[in-house]
N, C-alpha and C. Protein backbone atom coordinates (compact mmCIF):
# COMPACT_ATOMS: atom_id res chain seq x y z
N MET A 1 216.69 157.46 -86.92
CA MET A 1 217.76 157.21 -87.88
C MET A 1 218.26 158.56 -88.39
N ASN A 2 219.54 158.67 -88.49
CA ASN A 2 220.17 159.91 -88.93
C ASN A 2 220.63 159.75 -90.38
N TYR A 3 219.75 160.03 -91.33
CA TYR A 3 220.06 159.87 -92.75
C TYR A 3 221.01 160.96 -93.22
N ALA A 4 221.89 160.59 -94.13
CA ALA A 4 222.86 161.54 -94.67
C ALA A 4 222.19 162.42 -95.71
N GLY A 5 222.32 163.72 -95.55
CA GLY A 5 221.71 164.67 -96.46
C GLY A 5 222.51 164.90 -97.73
N PHE A 6 221.93 165.71 -98.58
CA PHE A 6 222.49 165.97 -99.91
C PHE A 6 223.92 166.50 -99.84
N TRP A 7 224.18 167.51 -99.03
CA TRP A 7 225.50 168.15 -99.04
C TRP A 7 226.59 167.27 -98.46
N HIS A 8 226.27 166.46 -97.45
CA HIS A 8 227.27 165.52 -96.93
C HIS A 8 227.60 164.48 -97.99
N ARG A 9 226.58 163.99 -98.66
CA ARG A 9 226.81 162.99 -99.70
C ARG A 9 227.54 163.60 -100.90
N PHE A 10 227.21 164.84 -101.22
CA PHE A 10 227.90 165.53 -102.31
C PHE A 10 229.39 165.66 -101.98
N GLY A 11 229.70 166.08 -100.77
CA GLY A 11 231.10 166.23 -100.34
C GLY A 11 231.85 164.91 -100.39
N ALA A 12 231.21 163.85 -99.90
CA ALA A 12 231.84 162.53 -99.92
C ALA A 12 232.07 162.08 -101.36
N GLY A 13 231.09 162.30 -102.23
CA GLY A 13 231.23 161.93 -103.63
C GLY A 13 232.34 162.69 -104.32
N PHE A 14 232.46 163.98 -104.00
CA PHE A 14 233.53 164.80 -104.59
C PHE A 14 234.90 164.24 -104.20
N ILE A 15 235.07 163.94 -102.94
CA ILE A 15 236.35 163.38 -102.46
C ILE A 15 236.63 162.03 -103.12
N ASP A 16 235.60 161.18 -103.19
CA ASP A 16 235.80 159.87 -103.82
C ASP A 16 236.16 159.98 -105.29
N HIS A 17 235.61 160.95 -105.97
CA HIS A 17 235.97 161.10 -107.38
C HIS A 17 237.40 161.62 -107.55
N LEU A 18 237.91 162.32 -106.56
CA LEU A 18 239.34 162.69 -106.59
C LEU A 18 240.20 161.44 -106.43
N PHE A 19 239.76 160.53 -105.53
CA PHE A 19 240.49 159.27 -105.33
C PHE A 19 240.42 158.38 -106.56
N THR A 20 239.28 158.35 -107.22
CA THR A 20 239.11 157.43 -108.35
C THR A 20 239.65 157.99 -109.65
N GLY A 21 239.98 159.26 -109.70
CA GLY A 21 240.52 159.86 -110.92
C GLY A 21 241.66 159.07 -111.53
N PRO A 22 242.69 158.73 -110.75
CA PRO A 22 243.81 157.96 -111.32
C PRO A 22 243.43 156.54 -111.76
N LEU A 23 242.28 156.06 -111.32
CA LEU A 23 241.88 154.69 -111.67
C LEU A 23 241.38 154.57 -113.11
N TRP A 24 241.34 155.69 -113.84
CA TRP A 24 240.89 155.66 -115.23
C TRP A 24 241.74 154.72 -116.07
N ILE A 25 242.98 154.47 -115.64
CA ILE A 25 243.84 153.59 -116.42
C ILE A 25 243.29 152.16 -116.48
N PHE A 26 242.41 151.82 -115.55
CA PHE A 26 241.78 150.50 -115.54
C PHE A 26 240.41 150.53 -116.23
N GLY A 27 240.10 151.65 -116.86
CA GLY A 27 238.80 151.78 -117.51
C GLY A 27 237.69 151.85 -116.48
N PRO A 28 236.49 151.43 -116.84
CA PRO A 28 235.36 151.52 -115.90
C PRO A 28 235.51 150.56 -114.73
N PHE A 29 236.41 149.58 -114.84
CA PHE A 29 236.55 148.60 -113.78
C PHE A 29 237.17 149.16 -112.51
N GLY A 30 238.09 150.11 -112.66
CA GLY A 30 238.74 150.70 -111.48
C GLY A 30 237.74 151.40 -110.57
N SER A 31 236.91 152.23 -111.14
CA SER A 31 235.91 152.96 -110.36
C SER A 31 234.88 152.00 -109.75
N TRP A 32 234.42 151.05 -110.54
CA TRP A 32 233.45 150.07 -110.04
C TRP A 32 234.02 149.30 -108.85
N LEU A 33 235.25 148.78 -108.98
CA LEU A 33 235.84 148.02 -107.88
C LEU A 33 236.04 148.88 -106.64
N TYR A 34 236.45 150.12 -106.83
CA TYR A 34 236.64 151.05 -105.71
C TYR A 34 235.35 151.18 -104.91
N PHE A 35 234.26 151.54 -105.58
CA PHE A 35 233.00 151.78 -104.88
C PHE A 35 232.40 150.49 -104.32
N ALA A 36 232.35 149.45 -105.12
CA ALA A 36 231.73 148.20 -104.65
C ALA A 36 232.52 147.58 -103.50
N TRP A 37 233.84 147.60 -103.60
CA TRP A 37 234.65 146.99 -102.54
C TRP A 37 234.54 147.77 -101.24
N PHE A 38 234.74 149.08 -101.29
CA PHE A 38 234.67 149.87 -100.07
C PHE A 38 233.28 149.84 -99.44
N GLN A 39 232.23 149.97 -100.25
CA GLN A 39 230.88 150.04 -99.69
C GLN A 39 230.40 148.70 -99.13
N SER A 40 231.00 147.60 -99.57
CA SER A 40 230.62 146.30 -99.02
C SER A 40 231.63 145.83 -97.96
N SER A 41 232.63 146.64 -97.67
CA SER A 41 233.65 146.27 -96.69
C SER A 41 233.10 146.40 -95.26
N LYS A 42 233.92 146.04 -94.30
CA LYS A 42 233.50 146.15 -92.89
C LYS A 42 233.24 147.61 -92.50
N HIS A 43 233.83 148.55 -93.24
CA HIS A 43 233.62 149.97 -92.95
C HIS A 43 232.29 150.48 -93.52
N GLN A 44 231.76 149.77 -94.52
CA GLN A 44 230.51 150.13 -95.19
C GLN A 44 230.58 151.54 -95.76
N ALA A 45 231.76 151.94 -96.19
CA ALA A 45 231.93 153.32 -96.65
C ALA A 45 233.19 153.44 -97.49
N THR A 46 233.14 154.36 -98.43
CA THR A 46 234.32 154.75 -99.19
C THR A 46 235.13 155.72 -98.33
N PRO A 47 236.37 156.01 -98.70
CA PRO A 47 237.13 157.01 -97.94
C PRO A 47 236.41 158.36 -97.83
N GLY A 48 235.78 158.81 -98.90
CA GLY A 48 235.03 160.07 -98.85
C GLY A 48 233.89 159.99 -97.84
N MET A 49 233.20 158.87 -97.82
CA MET A 49 232.11 158.69 -96.86
C MET A 49 232.65 158.66 -95.43
N MET A 50 233.79 158.02 -95.24
CA MET A 50 234.38 157.94 -93.90
C MET A 50 234.72 159.33 -93.37
N ILE A 51 235.22 160.21 -94.23
CA ILE A 51 235.56 161.57 -93.81
C ILE A 51 234.34 162.29 -93.25
N PHE A 52 233.17 162.02 -93.84
CA PHE A 52 231.93 162.66 -93.40
C PHE A 52 231.13 161.80 -92.41
N SER A 53 231.74 160.73 -91.91
CA SER A 53 231.10 159.81 -90.95
C SER A 53 229.81 159.21 -91.50
N LEU A 54 229.86 158.80 -92.77
CA LEU A 54 228.71 158.19 -93.42
C LEU A 54 228.97 156.71 -93.61
N ARG A 55 227.90 155.94 -93.66
CA ARG A 55 228.04 154.53 -94.00
C ARG A 55 226.82 154.08 -94.81
N LEU A 56 227.01 153.05 -95.58
CA LEU A 56 225.97 152.50 -96.44
C LEU A 56 225.44 151.22 -95.81
N GLU A 57 224.13 151.08 -95.79
CA GLU A 57 223.54 149.86 -95.23
C GLU A 57 222.27 149.51 -95.99
N GLY A 58 221.87 148.25 -95.83
CA GLY A 58 220.60 147.82 -96.40
C GLY A 58 219.46 148.28 -95.52
N TYR A 59 218.25 148.04 -95.96
CA TYR A 59 217.08 148.44 -95.16
C TYR A 59 217.07 147.76 -93.79
N ASP A 60 217.74 146.61 -93.69
CA ASP A 60 217.79 145.90 -92.41
C ASP A 60 218.87 146.44 -91.48
N GLY A 61 219.61 147.46 -91.94
CA GLY A 61 220.66 148.06 -91.12
C GLY A 61 221.98 147.33 -91.19
N LYS A 62 222.07 146.31 -92.02
CA LYS A 62 223.29 145.51 -92.10
C LYS A 62 224.12 145.87 -93.33
N ARG A 63 225.34 145.41 -93.31
CA ARG A 63 226.26 145.61 -94.43
C ARG A 63 225.71 144.91 -95.68
N ILE A 64 225.92 145.52 -96.84
CA ILE A 64 225.46 144.91 -98.08
C ILE A 64 226.59 144.09 -98.70
N SER A 65 226.22 143.17 -99.58
CA SER A 65 227.20 142.31 -100.24
C SER A 65 227.92 143.08 -101.35
N PHE A 66 229.03 142.51 -101.79
CA PHE A 66 229.78 143.09 -102.90
C PHE A 66 228.90 143.17 -104.15
N TRP A 67 228.10 142.14 -104.39
CA TRP A 67 227.27 142.12 -105.61
C TRP A 67 226.14 143.13 -105.54
N ARG A 68 225.61 143.33 -104.36
CA ARG A 68 224.58 144.37 -104.21
C ARG A 68 225.20 145.75 -104.38
N ALA A 69 226.40 145.94 -103.85
CA ALA A 69 227.11 147.21 -104.04
C ALA A 69 227.43 147.42 -105.53
N THR A 70 227.70 146.33 -106.23
CA THR A 70 227.92 146.41 -107.67
C THR A 70 226.66 146.88 -108.38
N GLY A 71 225.52 146.30 -108.03
CA GLY A 71 224.26 146.73 -108.61
C GLY A 71 223.98 148.19 -108.32
N ARG A 72 224.26 148.62 -107.10
CA ARG A 72 224.05 150.02 -106.72
C ARG A 72 224.96 150.93 -107.54
N TYR A 73 226.21 150.52 -107.73
CA TYR A 73 227.14 151.31 -108.51
C TYR A 73 226.61 151.52 -109.93
N PHE A 74 226.18 150.46 -110.58
CA PHE A 74 225.70 150.58 -111.95
C PHE A 74 224.34 151.28 -112.01
N ALA A 75 223.58 151.25 -110.93
CA ALA A 75 222.31 151.98 -110.88
C ALA A 75 222.54 153.49 -110.82
N THR A 76 223.75 153.92 -110.44
CA THR A 76 224.02 155.36 -110.45
C THR A 76 223.92 155.92 -111.87
N ILE A 77 224.07 155.05 -112.87
CA ILE A 77 223.89 155.48 -114.26
C ILE A 77 222.47 156.00 -114.44
N LEU A 78 221.49 155.35 -113.81
CA LEU A 78 220.10 155.81 -113.89
C LEU A 78 219.95 157.19 -113.26
N SER A 79 220.61 157.38 -112.13
CA SER A 79 220.54 158.68 -111.46
C SER A 79 221.10 159.79 -112.34
N ALA A 80 222.13 159.48 -113.10
CA ALA A 80 222.73 160.46 -113.99
C ALA A 80 221.90 160.67 -115.25
N LEU A 81 221.33 159.58 -115.79
CA LEU A 81 220.56 159.68 -117.03
C LEU A 81 219.27 160.49 -116.89
N THR A 82 218.84 160.70 -115.68
CA THR A 82 217.63 161.50 -115.44
C THR A 82 217.98 162.97 -115.31
N LEU A 83 219.07 163.36 -115.97
CA LEU A 83 219.58 164.74 -115.91
C LEU A 83 219.93 165.16 -114.48
N GLY A 84 220.34 164.19 -113.69
CA GLY A 84 220.74 164.46 -112.31
C GLY A 84 219.61 164.45 -111.31
N ILE A 85 218.38 164.31 -111.79
CA ILE A 85 217.24 164.31 -110.87
C ILE A 85 217.33 163.13 -109.91
N GLY A 86 217.89 162.01 -110.37
CA GLY A 86 218.08 160.85 -109.50
C GLY A 86 218.94 161.16 -108.29
N TYR A 87 219.88 162.09 -108.46
CA TYR A 87 220.72 162.53 -107.34
C TYR A 87 220.00 163.59 -106.50
N LEU A 88 219.29 164.48 -107.15
CA LEU A 88 218.58 165.53 -106.42
C LEU A 88 217.48 164.98 -105.52
N MET A 89 217.03 163.79 -105.81
CA MET A 89 216.02 163.15 -104.96
C MET A 89 216.46 163.10 -103.50
N ILE A 90 217.76 163.06 -103.28
CA ILE A 90 218.29 162.99 -101.91
C ILE A 90 217.74 164.14 -101.07
N ALA A 91 217.63 165.31 -101.65
CA ALA A 91 217.17 166.49 -100.92
C ALA A 91 215.68 166.46 -100.60
N PHE A 92 214.91 165.63 -101.30
CA PHE A 92 213.46 165.70 -101.16
C PHE A 92 212.77 164.42 -100.68
N THR A 93 213.49 163.34 -100.51
CA THR A 93 212.87 162.09 -100.07
C THR A 93 213.01 161.94 -98.56
N PRO A 94 212.07 161.26 -97.93
CA PRO A 94 212.07 161.17 -96.46
C PRO A 94 213.33 160.55 -95.86
N ARG A 95 213.88 159.53 -96.54
CA ARG A 95 215.08 158.88 -96.02
C ARG A 95 216.34 159.30 -96.78
N LYS A 96 216.24 160.45 -97.47
CA LYS A 96 217.39 161.04 -98.18
C LYS A 96 218.00 160.05 -99.18
N GLN A 97 217.16 159.40 -99.96
CA GLN A 97 217.62 158.40 -100.91
C GLN A 97 217.68 158.94 -102.33
N ALA A 98 218.73 158.56 -103.04
CA ALA A 98 218.84 158.82 -104.47
C ALA A 98 218.13 157.68 -105.19
N LEU A 99 217.94 157.86 -106.48
CA LEU A 99 217.29 156.82 -107.28
C LEU A 99 218.02 155.49 -107.16
N HIS A 100 219.35 155.52 -107.21
CA HIS A 100 220.11 154.27 -107.11
C HIS A 100 219.98 153.63 -105.73
N ASP A 101 219.70 154.40 -104.69
CA ASP A 101 219.45 153.81 -103.37
C ASP A 101 218.12 153.06 -103.37
N TYR A 102 217.12 153.62 -104.04
CA TYR A 102 215.84 152.92 -104.15
C TYR A 102 216.00 151.62 -104.92
N VAL A 103 216.74 151.66 -106.01
CA VAL A 103 216.95 150.46 -106.82
C VAL A 103 217.66 149.37 -106.01
N ALA A 104 218.70 149.75 -105.27
CA ALA A 104 219.50 148.79 -104.50
C ALA A 104 218.95 148.54 -103.10
N LYS A 105 217.91 149.26 -102.71
CA LYS A 105 217.32 149.16 -101.37
C LYS A 105 218.39 149.40 -100.30
N THR A 106 219.02 150.58 -100.42
CA THR A 106 220.06 150.96 -99.47
C THR A 106 219.78 152.32 -98.87
N LEU A 107 220.44 152.59 -97.76
CA LEU A 107 220.37 153.86 -97.07
C LEU A 107 221.78 154.34 -96.77
N VAL A 108 221.99 155.64 -96.81
CA VAL A 108 223.25 156.23 -96.40
C VAL A 108 222.94 156.99 -95.11
N VAL A 109 223.62 156.59 -94.05
CA VAL A 109 223.35 157.18 -92.73
C VAL A 109 224.60 157.81 -92.15
N ARG A 110 224.38 158.75 -91.26
CA ARG A 110 225.49 159.39 -90.54
C ARG A 110 225.66 158.67 -89.23
N ASP A 111 226.89 158.43 -88.86
CA ASP A 111 227.18 157.78 -87.59
C ASP A 111 227.08 158.83 -86.49
N PRO A 112 226.07 158.73 -85.61
CA PRO A 112 225.90 159.76 -84.58
C PRO A 112 227.05 159.84 -83.59
N ASP A 113 227.81 158.75 -83.44
CA ASP A 113 228.93 158.76 -82.51
C ASP A 113 230.13 159.55 -83.04
N GLU A 114 230.21 159.67 -84.37
CA GLU A 114 231.36 160.34 -84.96
C GLU A 114 230.99 161.68 -85.60
N ALA A 115 229.72 161.90 -85.85
CA ALA A 115 229.28 163.12 -86.55
C ALA A 115 229.33 164.33 -85.66
């Protein structure tokens, strides 16, 4: 399995936050819908993730549901509340998982055909 590392995920997140910036007019709902919808879509990725050939999947390798993506989105609050350590875990865990990935039981992988 080709797990997505810290810098690829950081780059994808940076791009996605540029995309979600204008969504502030919808309050927290715009960002939530952006991430949950894209990550549970047939692409299994946000536009930022697609640029880096990344996709999100469950432990079974399949696409996750919208509601599971919603849970993962709100679990990112935990990753941030730990002074960012929840995000830094990506660099040190065997499957390159952040805290919110552990909570949602998800993996971010690189597509070897496109990477």
